[in-house]
């Protein structure tokens, strides 16, 4: 399904322990640790890996609810030349990630297929969308948007960190909401 994560890099500066070996062993696979150590900016690369794991976990949650986050079981795929691939494996399931990164934040979205990944968009504010929907969570705490005029739910993934917030949703769902608004206007 769909998941996302965002990291405010300025806010993350307070997390100085992220590169301690004990912490890396709990969170990262051996290949991910090597990728982090060999990168130009290990600290930022750690957060890149982290956002991909968190986004993958959220996408997995929608398909197979699990109560605990187990980042060591989420494996970012790295090719033989040392390039981070869009593919992530978690409990024998494939997920695909797309990350945007700049000097202030890292924003990752993840989906259970490449086709779904291309249909995901992120927004920092749901103000316009909330005119047509209500933001709700199911019994497991997984968020969704409930359309007001029709009995339809739309998956949404929410992430916030420091000064940044991001909602990931499907472009097709936004178009469907826009069409619904026209029908019931």
Protein backbone atom coordinates (compact mmCIF):
# COMPACT_ATOMS: atom_id res chain seq x y z
CA UNK A 1 0.00 0.00 0.00
CA UNK A 2 1.33 3.44 0.99
CA UNK A 3 3.70 4.84 3.62
CA UNK A 4 5.89 7.90 4.14
CA UNK A 5 8.41 9.45 6.49
CA UNK A 6 10.00 12.86 6.78
CA UNK A 7 13.07 14.02 8.70
CA UNK A 8 13.91 17.60 9.61
CA UNK A 9 17.71 17.49 9.35
CA UNK A 10 18.20 20.51 11.62
CA UNK A 11 16.02 18.95 14.30
CA UNK A 12 17.78 15.60 13.83
CA UNK A 13 21.11 17.16 14.79
CA UNK A 14 20.16 16.51 18.40
CA UNK A 15 20.25 12.75 17.67
CA UNK A 16 24.02 12.45 17.94
CA UNK A 17 23.93 8.77 18.92
CA UNK A 18 22.64 7.54 15.54
CA UNK A 19 26.08 6.49 14.34
CA UNK A 20 27.04 4.59 17.48
CA UNK A 21 27.65 0.95 16.61
CA UNK A 22 25.15 -0.38 19.13
CA UNK A 23 22.40 1.77 17.62
CA UNK A 24 23.37 0.84 14.06
CA UNK A 25 23.30 -2.87 14.97
CA UNK A 26 19.71 -2.52 16.24
CA UNK A 27 18.47 -0.62 13.20
CA UNK A 28 20.55 -1.50 10.13
CA UNK A 29 21.59 -4.61 8.28
CA UNK A 30 25.30 -5.24 7.72
CA UNK A 31 24.98 -4.03 4.10
CA UNK A 32 23.20 -0.84 5.21
CA UNK A 33 25.89 -0.17 7.82
CA UNK A 34 28.57 -0.53 5.16
CA UNK A 35 26.61 1.80 2.85
CA UNK A 36 26.37 4.40 5.63
CA UNK A 37 30.07 4.18 6.57
CA UNK A 38 31.21 4.45 2.94
CA UNK A 39 29.01 7.44 2.11
CA UNK A 40 30.26 11.03 1.90
CA UNK A 41 27.94 12.05 4.74
CA UNK A 42 27.29 9.06 7.05
CA UNK A 43 24.98 11.00 9.37
CA UNK A 44 22.69 12.14 6.53
CA UNK A 45 22.85 8.69 4.92
CA UNK A 46 21.70 7.13 8.19
CA UNK A 47 18.60 9.35 8.09
CA UNK A 48 18.02 8.44 4.45
CA UNK A 49 18.04 4.74 5.39
CA UNK A 50 15.82 5.48 8.40
CA UNK A 51 13.12 7.28 6.37
CA UNK A 52 12.99 4.40 3.89
CA UNK A 53 12.58 1.86 6.72
CA UNK A 54 9.87 3.91 8.42
CA UNK A 55 7.96 4.49 5.16
CA UNK A 56 8.19 0.78 4.31
CA UNK A 57 6.93 -0.18 7.76
CA UNK A 58 3.89 2.10 7.34
CA UNK A 59 3.12 0.60 3.92
CA UNK A 60 3.47 -2.92 5.33
CA UNK A 61 1.14 -2.01 8.22
CA UNK A 62 -1.71 -1.39 5.78
CA UNK A 63 -1.33 -4.88 4.31
CA UNK A 64 -0.40 -6.95 7.37
CA UNK A 65 -0.89 -5.18 10.67
CA UNK A 66 1.94 -5.73 13.13
CA UNK A 67 2.22 -3.97 16.45
CA UNK A 68 5.97 -3.45 16.73
CA UNK A 69 8.47 -1.60 14.57
CA UNK A 70 11.40 -3.89 13.76
CA UNK A 71 13.77 -1.84 11.57
CA UNK A 72 16.49 -4.50 11.42
CA UNK A 73 14.10 -6.75 9.48
CA UNK A 74 13.52 -4.07 6.82
CA UNK A 75 16.28 -4.40 4.21
CA UNK A 76 17.18 -1.62 1.81
CA UNK A 77 18.58 -3.20 -1.34
CA UNK A 78 22.04 -2.04 -2.42
CA UNK A 79 23.54 -3.20 -5.73
CA UNK A 80 27.08 -4.51 -6.20
CA UNK A 81 28.36 -1.08 -7.21
CA UNK A 82 27.14 0.42 -3.93
CA UNK A 83 24.02 2.17 -5.27
CA UNK A 84 20.90 2.31 -3.12
CA UNK A 85 18.05 0.75 -5.12
CA UNK A 86 14.36 1.70 -4.88
CA UNK A 87 13.62 -1.85 -3.68
CA UNK A 88 13.11 -2.63 0.01
CA UNK A 89 12.35 -6.09 1.42
CA UNK A 90 10.34 -6.69 4.57
CA UNK A 91 9.15 -10.13 5.66
CA UNK A 92 9.50 -11.55 2.14
CA UNK A 93 7.44 -8.71 0.64
CA UNK A 94 8.76 -6.20 -1.89
CA UNK A 95 8.26 -2.47 -1.48
CA UNK A 96 9.47 0.44 -3.58
CA UNK A 97 10.69 3.80 -2.28
CA UNK A 98 11.19 7.28 -3.70
CA UNK A 99 13.11 9.89 -1.74
CA UNK A 100 13.54 13.62 -2.14
CA UNK A 101 16.36 15.12 -0.16
CA UNK A 102 17.84 18.58 0.25
CA UNK A 103 19.84 20.45 2.87
CA UNK A 104 16.91 20.76 5.30
CA UNK A 105 14.82 17.60 4.99
CA UNK A 106 14.53 14.04 3.73
CA UNK A 107 11.10 12.93 2.50
CA UNK A 108 10.45 9.30 1.49
CA UNK A 109 7.33 7.62 0.15
CA UNK A 110 6.93 3.88 -0.19
CA UNK A 111 4.43 1.60 -1.90
CA UNK A 112 3.85 -2.08 -2.39
CA UNK A 113 4.42 -1.81 -6.16
CA UNK A 114 6.25 0.44 -8.60
CA UNK A 115 2.95 1.33 -10.26
CA UNK A 116 1.48 2.53 -6.97
CA UNK A 117 4.67 4.44 -6.18
CA UNK A 118 4.30 6.54 -9.33
CA UNK A 119 0.74 7.45 -8.26
CA UNK A 120 1.76 8.81 -4.83
CA UNK A 121 1.97 12.51 -4.16
CA UNK A 122 2.87 14.30 -0.95
CA UNK A 123 1.41 17.47 0.44
CA UNK A 124 2.39 19.41 3.53
CA UNK A 125 -1.15 20.49 4.33
CA UNK A 126 -4.50 18.73 3.94
CA UNK A 127 -6.51 21.96 4.27
CA UNK A 128 -8.16 21.77 0.83
CA UNK A 129 -8.68 18.01 0.99
CA UNK A 130 -10.22 18.25 4.46
CA UNK A 131 -13.04 20.35 3.00
CA UNK A 132 -14.27 17.09 1.43
CA UNK A 133 -13.04 14.51 3.95
CA UNK A 134 -12.39 13.80 7.59
CA UNK A 135 -8.99 12.56 8.80
CA UNK A 136 -9.56 9.38 10.80
CA UNK A 137 -7.71 6.35 12.12
CA UNK A 138 -8.89 2.76 12.18
CA UNK A 139 -8.81 0.51 15.27
CA UNK A 140 -5.09 -0.16 14.66
CA UNK A 141 -4.25 3.55 14.44
CA UNK A 142 -3.76 3.50 10.66
CA UNK A 143 -4.89 6.81 9.12
CA UNK A 144 -7.34 7.28 6.28
CA UNK A 145 -9.52 9.99 4.81
CA UNK A 146 -13.29 9.46 5.02
CA UNK A 147 -15.16 11.20 2.21
CA UNK A 148 -18.10 13.20 3.57
CA UNK A 149 -20.51 12.86 0.64
CA UNK A 150 -19.99 9.20 -0.18
CA UNK A 151 -19.14 6.08 1.81
CA UNK A 152 -15.57 5.84 0.61
CA UNK A 153 -12.24 5.77 2.44
CA UNK A 154 -8.89 6.81 1.00
CA UNK A 155 -5.54 5.70 2.45
CA UNK A 156 -3.24 8.45 3.67
CA UNK A 157 0.09 8.26 5.42
CA UNK A 158 1.13 11.03 7.78
CA UNK A 159 4.60 11.91 9.01
CA UNK A 160 5.97 14.85 10.96
CA UNK A 161 9.36 15.69 12.39
CA UNK A 162 10.62 19.00 13.66
CA UNK A 163 9.31 21.82 11.47
CA UNK A 164 8.01 19.55 8.68
CA UNK A 165 4.86 17.59 8.06
CA UNK A 166 3.98 15.44 5.05
CA UNK A 167 0.92 13.51 3.96
CA UNK A 168 1.24 10.88 1.25
CA UNK A 169 -1.78 9.95 -0.79
CA UNK A 170 -2.69 8.65 -4.21
CA UNK A 171 -3.20 11.13 -7.03
CA UNK A 172 -6.14 9.02 -8.25
CA UNK A 173 -7.84 9.44 -4.86
CA UNK A 174 -7.43 13.22 -5.04
CA UNK A 175 -8.96 13.18 -8.53
CA UNK A 176 -11.80 11.00 -7.21
CA UNK A 177 -12.41 13.47 -4.38
CA UNK A 178 -12.45 16.36 -6.86
CA UNK A 179 -14.96 14.49 -9.03
CA UNK A 180 -17.10 13.76 -5.96
CA UNK A 181 -17.10 17.44 -5.05
CA UNK A 182 -18.37 18.35 -8.51
CA UNK A 183 -21.13 15.74 -8.37
CA UNK A 184 -22.39 16.87 -4.97
CA UNK A 185 -21.85 20.62 -5.43
